[in-house]
Amino acid sequence: MYVALGRHLFAQKFRILYKVIIYTLIDFLNITNTAKILT
């Protein structure tokens, strides 16, 4: 039971981390694209 709970929590944390990384990358790309348009 404890192992399953640990895996579940780990999966949730990993999913959140994955989303954060992807959104950060998208924001970074949007910023660079905006900078290219402005210059």
C-alpha atoms as a PDB file:
ATOM      1  CA  MET A   1       0.000   0.000   0.000  1.00  0.00           C
ATOM      2  CA  TYR A   2       2.758   2.441   0.938  1.00  0.00           C
ATOM      3  CA  VAL A   3       4.669   1.627  -2.249  1.00  0.00           C
ATOM      4  CA  ALA A   4       1.588   2.262  -4.402  1.00  0.00           C
ATOM      5  CA  LEU A   5       0.924   5.553  -2.616  1.00  0.00           C
ATOM      6  CA  GLY A   6       4.545   6.591  -3.060  1.00  0.00           C
ATOM      7  CA  ARG A   7       4.393   5.804  -6.775  1.00  0.00           C
ATOM      8  CA  HIS A   8       1.154   7.753  -7.124  1.00  0.00           C
ATOM      9  CA  LEU A   9       2.621  10.836  -5.414  1.00  0.00           C
ATOM     10  CA  PHE A  10       5.801  10.553  -7.480  1.00  0.00           C
ATOM     11  CA  ALA A  11       3.750  10.346 -10.691  1.00  0.00           C
ATOM     12  CA  GLN A  12       1.759  13.443  -9.711  1.00  0.00           C
ATOM     13  CA  LYS A  13       4.903  15.432  -8.904  1.00  0.00           C
ATOM     14  CA  PHE A  14       6.521  14.326 -12.145  1.00  0.00           C
ATOM     15  CA  ARG A  15       3.441  15.326 -14.145  1.00  0.00           C
ATOM     16  CA  ILE A  16       3.399  18.790 -12.539  1.00  0.00           C
ATOM     17  CA  LEU A  17       7.131  19.193 -13.151  1.00  0.00           C
ATOM     18  CA  TYR A  18       6.656  18.130 -16.777  1.00  0.00           C
ATOM     19  CA  LYS A  19       3.918  20.728 -17.282  1.00  0.00           C
ATOM     20  CA  VAL A  20       6.036  23.451 -15.670  1.00  0.00           C
ATOM     21  CA  ILE A  21       8.974  22.652 -17.968  1.00  0.00           C
ATOM     22  CA  ILE A  22       6.777  22.666 -21.072  1.00  0.00           C
ATOM     23  CA  TYR A  23       5.054  25.935 -20.153  1.00  0.00           C
ATOM     24  CA  THR A  24       8.431  27.524 -19.377  1.00  0.00           C
ATOM     25  CA  LEU A  25       9.735  26.456 -22.792  1.00  0.00           C
ATOM     26  CA  ILE A  26       6.626  27.818 -24.530  1.00  0.00           C
ATOM     27  CA  ASP A  27       6.933  31.129 -22.670  1.00  0.00           C
ATOM     28  CA  PHE A  28      10.617  31.344 -23.567  1.00  0.00           C
ATOM     29  CA  LEU A  29       9.867  30.697 -27.241  1.00  0.00           C
ATOM     30  CA  ASN A  30       7.057  33.265 -27.218  1.00  0.00           C
ATOM     31  CA  ILE A  31       9.372  35.860 -25.669  1.00  0.00           C
ATOM     32  CA  THR A  32      12.110  35.235 -28.231  1.00  0.00           C
ATOM     33  CA  ASN A  33       9.606  35.385 -31.096  1.00  0.00           C
ATOM     34  CA  THR A  34       8.173  38.637 -29.761  1.00  0.00           C
ATOM     35  CA  ALA A  35      11.688  40.071 -29.451  1.00  0.00           C
ATOM     36  CA  LYS A  36      12.427  39.130 -33.067  1.00  0.00           C
ATOM     37  CA  ILE A  37       9.232  40.850 -34.241  1.00  0.00           C
ATOM     38  CA  LEU A  38       9.983  44.004 -32.231  1.00  0.00           C
ATOM     39  CA  THR A  39      13.584  44.353 -33.425  1.00  0.00           C
END
